[in-house]
Amino acid sequence: MSCAVNSRSLDSQATDSRLIPKREIKIAAVEWAITIALLVVDAVDKKERKEQENAKLREFLQSPFLEWVYV
């Protein structure tokens, strides 16, 4: 597991490849938050789209055109 690097740990940093600068951790955290936010927005969009399609279908099924087809 990687460790955050701060100004105090820079002095003690040797060749430990697990150390990641704090800035990189912050960037990764923001990227992760954006990814999660986009997934949530996509899920909401799909739900809204499904509701709109259902409303259109209900409207069509109640339309006079459909009664004319079955006559």
N, C-alpha and C. Protein backbone atom coordinates (compact mmCIF):
# COMPACT_ATOMS: atom_id res chain seq x y z
N MET A 1 0.84 -1.18 0.00
CA MET A 1 0.00 0.00 0.00
C MET A 1 0.88 1.24 0.00
N SER A 2 0.50 2.25 -0.74
CA SER A 2 1.31 3.45 -0.87
C SER A 2 1.09 4.38 0.31
N CYS A 3 2.10 5.17 0.59
CA CYS A 3 2.03 6.15 1.66
C CYS A 3 2.10 7.55 1.07
N ALA A 4 1.45 8.50 1.74
CA ALA A 4 1.51 9.89 1.30
C ALA A 4 2.86 10.48 1.66
N VAL A 5 3.34 11.38 0.81
CA VAL A 5 4.61 12.04 1.06
C VAL A 5 4.31 13.47 1.45
N ASN A 6 4.80 13.88 2.60
CA ASN A 6 4.68 15.28 2.99
C ASN A 6 6.07 15.86 3.18
N SER A 7 6.16 17.13 3.56
CA SER A 7 7.46 17.77 3.64
C SER A 7 8.38 17.10 4.66
N ARG A 8 7.84 16.57 5.74
CA ARG A 8 8.68 15.92 6.75
C ARG A 8 9.18 14.56 6.26
N SER A 9 8.35 13.86 5.50
CA SER A 9 8.78 12.54 5.07
C SER A 9 9.73 12.60 3.89
N LEU A 10 9.83 13.74 3.23
CA LEU A 10 10.76 13.86 2.11
C LEU A 10 12.20 13.65 2.57
N ASP A 11 12.49 14.13 3.79
CA ASP A 11 13.85 13.97 4.32
C ASP A 11 14.19 12.51 4.54
N SER A 12 13.21 11.74 4.97
CA SER A 12 13.48 10.34 5.27
C SER A 12 13.24 9.43 4.07
N GLN A 13 12.79 10.00 2.95
CA GLN A 13 12.50 9.19 1.76
C GLN A 13 13.80 8.64 1.17
N ALA A 14 13.82 7.35 0.99
CA ALA A 14 14.99 6.74 0.37
C ALA A 14 14.57 6.30 -1.02
N THR A 15 14.65 5.04 -1.29
CA THR A 15 14.25 4.52 -2.60
C THR A 15 12.95 3.73 -2.47
N ASP A 16 12.10 4.16 -1.56
CA ASP A 16 10.84 3.45 -1.33
C ASP A 16 9.87 3.79 -2.46
N SER A 17 9.59 2.83 -3.32
CA SER A 17 8.74 3.07 -4.48
C SER A 17 7.26 3.16 -4.12
N ARG A 18 6.93 2.86 -2.85
CA ARG A 18 5.53 2.92 -2.44
C ARG A 18 5.10 4.34 -2.11
N LEU A 19 6.03 5.26 -1.96
CA LEU A 19 5.69 6.63 -1.58
C LEU A 19 5.13 7.40 -2.77
N ILE A 20 4.02 8.07 -2.53
CA ILE A 20 3.36 8.86 -3.56
C ILE A 20 3.22 10.29 -3.03
N PRO A 21 3.56 11.28 -3.83
CA PRO A 21 3.40 12.66 -3.37
C PRO A 21 1.95 12.97 -3.03
N LYS A 22 1.77 13.82 -2.02
CA LYS A 22 0.44 14.21 -1.58
C LYS A 22 -0.39 14.77 -2.74
N ARG A 23 0.25 15.52 -3.59
CA ARG A 23 -0.45 16.11 -4.73
C ARG A 23 -1.07 15.03 -5.61
N GLU A 24 -0.33 13.95 -5.86
CA GLU A 24 -0.84 12.86 -6.68
C GLU A 24 -2.03 12.18 -6.01
N ILE A 25 -1.99 12.06 -4.70
CA ILE A 25 -3.11 11.46 -3.97
C ILE A 25 -4.34 12.35 -4.09
N LYS A 26 -4.14 13.66 -3.97
CA LYS A 26 -5.26 14.59 -4.10
C LYS A 26 -5.86 14.54 -5.51
N ILE A 27 -5.00 14.49 -6.51
CA ILE A 27 -5.47 14.40 -7.89
C ILE A 27 -6.27 13.11 -8.10
N ALA A 28 -5.76 12.01 -7.58
CA ALA A 28 -6.47 10.73 -7.71
C ALA A 28 -7.81 10.78 -6.99
N ALA A 29 -7.88 11.43 -5.84
CA ALA A 29 -9.13 11.54 -5.10
C ALA A 29 -10.17 12.35 -5.88
N VAL A 30 -9.72 13.43 -6.50
CA VAL A 30 -10.64 14.25 -7.31
C VAL A 30 -11.10 13.47 -8.54
N GLU A 31 -10.19 12.76 -9.19
CA GLU A 31 -10.58 11.95 -10.35
C GLU A 31 -11.59 10.89 -9.96
N TRP A 32 -11.39 10.26 -8.82
CA TRP A 32 -12.32 9.24 -8.33
C TRP A 32 -13.69 9.85 -8.06
N ALA A 33 -13.71 11.02 -7.42
CA ALA A 33 -14.98 11.69 -7.12
C ALA A 33 -15.72 12.06 -8.41
N ILE A 34 -15.01 12.52 -9.41
CA ILE A 34 -15.62 12.85 -10.70
C ILE A 34 -16.21 11.61 -11.34
N THR A 35 -15.48 10.51 -11.30
CA THR A 35 -15.95 9.25 -11.88
C THR A 35 -17.25 8.80 -11.20
N ILE A 36 -17.28 8.85 -9.89
CA ILE A 36 -18.48 8.46 -9.15
C ILE A 36 -19.64 9.38 -9.49
N ALA A 37 -19.38 10.68 -9.55
CA ALA A 37 -20.44 11.65 -9.87
C ALA A 37 -21.02 11.38 -11.25
N LEU A 38 -20.17 11.07 -12.22
CA LEU A 38 -20.64 10.78 -13.57
C LEU A 38 -21.47 9.51 -13.61
N LEU A 39 -21.10 8.51 -12.82
CA LEU A 39 -21.88 7.28 -12.76
C LEU A 39 -23.27 7.54 -12.18
N VAL A 40 -23.34 8.39 -11.17
CA VAL A 40 -24.63 8.72 -10.55
C VAL A 40 -25.49 9.48 -11.54
N VAL A 41 -24.91 10.45 -12.24
CA VAL A 41 -25.66 11.23 -13.23
C VAL A 41 -26.18 10.33 -14.33
N ASP A 42 -25.35 9.40 -14.79
CA ASP A 42 -25.75 8.48 -15.84
C ASP A 42 -26.92 7.62 -15.38
N ALA A 43 -26.88 7.15 -14.14
CA ALA A 43 -27.97 6.33 -13.60
C ALA A 43 -29.26 7.13 -13.53
N VAL A 44 -29.19 8.39 -13.13
CA VAL A 44 -30.38 9.24 -13.06
C VAL A 44 -30.92 9.50 -14.46
N ASP A 45 -30.03 9.75 -15.42
CA ASP A 45 -30.46 9.98 -16.80
C ASP A 45 -31.20 8.76 -17.35
N LYS A 46 -30.69 7.57 -17.06
CA LYS A 46 -31.34 6.35 -17.53
C LYS A 46 -32.72 6.21 -16.91
N LYS A 47 -32.83 6.54 -15.62
CA LYS A 47 -34.12 6.43 -14.93
C LYS A 47 -35.12 7.42 -15.53
N GLU A 48 -34.68 8.66 -15.75
CA GLU A 48 -35.56 9.67 -16.35
C GLU A 48 -35.98 9.26 -17.76
N ARG A 49 -35.04 8.73 -18.54
CA ARG A 49 -35.34 8.29 -19.90
C ARG A 49 -36.38 7.18 -19.87
N LYS A 50 -36.22 6.25 -18.95
CA LYS A 50 -37.16 5.14 -18.82
C LYS A 50 -38.55 5.66 -18.45
N GLU A 51 -38.63 6.61 -17.54
CA GLU A 51 -39.90 7.20 -17.15
C GLU A 51 -40.56 7.91 -18.34
N GLN A 52 -39.76 8.62 -19.13
CA GLN A 52 -40.30 9.31 -20.31
C GLN A 52 -40.83 8.31 -21.33
N GLU A 53 -40.09 7.23 -21.54
CA GLU A 53 -40.54 6.20 -22.49
C GLU A 53 -41.84 5.55 -22.00
N ASN A 54 -41.93 5.28 -20.70
CA ASN A 54 -43.15 4.70 -20.15
C ASN A 54 -44.34 5.65 -20.31
N ALA A 55 -44.10 6.94 -20.10
CA ALA A 55 -45.17 7.92 -20.26
C ALA A 55 -45.64 7.97 -21.72
N LYS A 56 -44.70 7.94 -22.65
CA LYS A 56 -45.07 7.94 -24.07
C LYS A 56 -45.86 6.68 -24.43
N LEU A 57 -45.45 5.55 -23.89
CA LEU A 57 -46.16 4.30 -24.16
C LEU A 57 -47.58 4.34 -23.60
N ARG A 58 -47.72 4.84 -22.37
CA ARG A 58 -49.07 4.96 -21.78
C ARG A 58 -49.94 5.88 -22.62
N GLU A 59 -49.37 6.98 -23.07
CA GLU A 59 -50.11 7.93 -23.89
C GLU A 59 -50.55 7.28 -25.19
N PHE A 60 -49.65 6.52 -25.81
CA PHE A 60 -49.98 5.84 -27.06
C PHE A 60 -51.08 4.80 -26.84
N LEU A 61 -50.96 4.04 -25.75
CA LEU A 61 -51.95 3.00 -25.49
C LEU A 61 -53.33 3.57 -25.19
N GLN A 62 -53.40 4.81 -24.75
CA GLN A 62 -54.68 5.46 -24.47
C GLN A 62 -55.17 6.32 -25.64
N SER A 63 -54.42 6.36 -26.70
CA SER A 63 -54.77 7.23 -27.82
C SER A 63 -55.92 6.65 -28.63
N PRO A 64 -56.69 7.51 -29.28
CA PRO A 64 -57.79 7.05 -30.12
C PRO A 64 -57.29 6.25 -31.34
N PHE A 65 -56.06 6.49 -31.75
CA PHE A 65 -55.50 5.76 -32.89
C PHE A 65 -55.51 4.25 -32.62
N LEU A 66 -55.16 3.88 -31.42
CA LEU A 66 -55.10 2.47 -31.08
C LEU A 66 -56.48 1.85 -31.14
N GLU A 67 -57.52 2.57 -30.73
CA GLU A 67 -58.88 2.04 -30.80
C GLU A 67 -59.29 1.85 -32.28
N TRP A 68 -58.84 2.74 -33.14
CA TRP A 68 -59.17 2.64 -34.56
C TRP A 68 -58.53 1.41 -35.18
N VAL A 69 -57.35 1.04 -34.74
CA VAL A 69 -56.64 -0.11 -35.28
C VAL A 69 -57.41 -1.39 -34.96
N TYR A 70 -57.99 -1.49 -33.80
CA TYR A 70 -58.67 -2.70 -33.37
C TYR A 70 -60.12 -2.80 -33.87
N VAL A 71 -60.62 -1.77 -34.53
CA VAL A 71 -62.01 -1.79 -35.00
C VAL A 71 -62.14 -2.58 -36.27
